Amino acid sequence: AGDGPGDAHVVIVYFDPPQTIKIGKGENTGRSMTYWNAVSGIQTAGMWHGKAQRYELPMSVISKKGGCAVLLQSVGKDGLPGPILGAALIHKPAHSRP
């Protein structure tokens, strides 16, 4: 993360690789649906205070998922999450894809 205004949370959103599921009930019974990038976990990796910082994620964690999105989310004056200031996408390493 580079320089910028204010404090923000660094949030990691993990997602699964595409999964095709056969629907067993309802109006789509018997059909197959493919779910893309279904979120499987969210964690706050730390705080960003407006100065350049480096964050490291273990590839062992990412390789078990489809990848992750790294979000930089501002903190409002009330302490609640605010607007997303920036985002990056990290895909699962090619050597660990099925």
Protein backbone atom coordinates (compact mmCIF):
# COMPACT_ATOMS: atom_id res chain seq x y z
CA ALA A 1 0.00 0.00 0.00
CA GLY A 2 1.33 3.42 -0.91
CA ASP A 3 0.91 6.84 0.71
CA GLY A 4 -2.58 8.30 1.14
CA PRO A 5 -4.97 10.00 3.55
CA GLY A 6 -6.25 8.60 6.86
CA ASP A 7 -6.58 5.16 8.37
CA ALA A 8 -8.01 2.12 6.64
CA HIS A 9 -8.43 -1.61 7.19
CA VAL A 10 -6.58 -4.07 4.97
CA VAL A 11 -9.21 -6.77 4.37
CA ILE A 12 -8.59 -10.13 2.70
CA VAL A 13 -11.59 -11.76 0.99
CA TYR A 14 -10.91 -15.40 0.06
CA PHE A 15 -12.92 -17.02 -2.73
CA ASP A 16 -13.37 -20.54 -4.04
CA PRO A 17 -12.55 -21.72 -7.57
CA PRO A 18 -15.54 -22.25 -9.88
CA GLN A 19 -17.78 -25.09 -8.71
CA THR A 20 -20.55 -26.75 -10.72
CA ILE A 21 -23.40 -27.98 -8.54
CA LYS A 22 -26.38 -30.12 -9.59
CA ILE A 23 -29.59 -28.57 -8.27
CA GLY A 24 -31.75 -31.09 -6.39
CA LYS A 25 -34.85 -29.04 -5.49
CA GLY A 26 -36.95 -26.14 -6.70
CA GLU A 27 -37.64 -24.75 -10.15
CA ASN A 28 -34.08 -25.57 -11.31
CA THR A 29 -34.21 -29.26 -10.27
CA GLY A 30 -31.93 -31.35 -12.46
CA ARG A 31 -30.01 -28.38 -13.83
CA SER A 32 -26.35 -27.70 -13.13
CA MET A 33 -25.25 -24.26 -11.97
CA THR A 34 -21.68 -22.98 -11.86
CA TYR A 35 -20.80 -20.70 -8.97
CA TRP A 36 -17.86 -18.36 -9.65
CA ASN A 37 -15.71 -16.78 -6.96
CA ALA A 38 -18.02 -17.65 -4.05
CA VAL A 39 -16.63 -15.97 -0.92
CA SER A 40 -15.34 -18.55 1.56
CA GLY A 41 -13.74 -16.30 4.17
CA ILE A 42 -12.98 -12.73 5.19
CA GLN A 43 -10.24 -11.52 7.53
CA THR A 44 -8.75 -8.19 8.52
CA ALA A 45 -4.99 -8.36 7.92
CA GLY A 46 -4.15 -5.10 9.65
CA MET A 47 -4.45 -1.34 9.62
CA TRP A 48 -3.04 1.07 7.06
CA HIS A 49 -2.16 4.53 8.38
CA GLY A 50 -1.57 6.45 5.16
CA LYS A 51 2.09 5.49 4.65
CA ALA A 52 3.70 2.91 2.37
CA GLN A 53 3.57 -0.56 3.96
CA ARG A 54 4.20 -4.14 2.94
CA TYR A 55 1.87 -7.02 3.77
CA GLU A 56 2.64 -10.69 3.18
CA LEU A 57 0.16 -13.51 2.68
CA PRO A 58 1.28 -17.13 2.85
CA MET A 59 0.85 -18.75 -0.57
CA SER A 60 -0.08 -21.96 1.27
CA VAL A 61 -3.34 -20.29 2.32
CA ILE A 62 -4.08 -18.84 -1.13
CA SER A 63 -3.27 -22.14 -2.88
CA LYS A 64 -6.09 -23.84 -0.91
CA LYS A 65 -8.58 -21.31 -2.32
CA GLY A 66 -9.34 -19.92 -5.77
CA GLY A 67 -7.50 -16.77 -4.75
CA CYS A 68 -8.31 -13.63 -2.83
CA ALA A 69 -9.14 -9.97 -3.13
CA VAL A 70 -7.22 -7.49 -1.00
CA LEU A 71 -9.35 -4.48 -0.08
CA LEU A 72 -8.29 -1.18 1.45
CA GLN A 73 -11.39 0.04 3.28
CA SER A 74 -11.58 3.40 5.01
CA VAL A 75 -12.80 3.77 8.58
CA GLY A 76 -15.55 6.31 9.19
CA LYS A 77 -15.55 8.84 12.04
CA ASP A 78 -18.07 6.58 13.78
CA GLY A 79 -15.60 3.67 13.56
CA LEU A 80 -17.73 1.82 11.02
CA PRO A 81 -16.38 0.58 7.68
CA GLY A 82 -16.41 3.24 4.98
CA PRO A 83 -15.80 3.31 1.23
CA ILE A 84 -13.33 0.97 -0.48
CA LEU A 85 -10.22 3.01 -1.34
CA GLY A 86 -8.46 0.38 -3.42
CA ALA A 87 -8.47 -3.29 -4.31
CA ALA A 88 -6.21 -5.93 -5.84
CA LEU A 89 -6.84 -9.50 -6.97
CA ILE A 90 -4.50 -12.41 -6.25
CA HIS A 91 -5.17 -15.60 -8.21
CA LYS A 92 -4.31 -19.08 -7.05
CA PRO A 93 -0.80 -19.99 -8.27
CA ALA A 94 -0.94 -21.85 -11.60
CA HIS A 95 1.13 -24.79 -10.28
CA SER A 96 -1.48 -25.52 -7.59
CA ARG A 97 -4.56 -25.40 -9.83
CA PRO A 98 -6.32 -28.73 -10.38
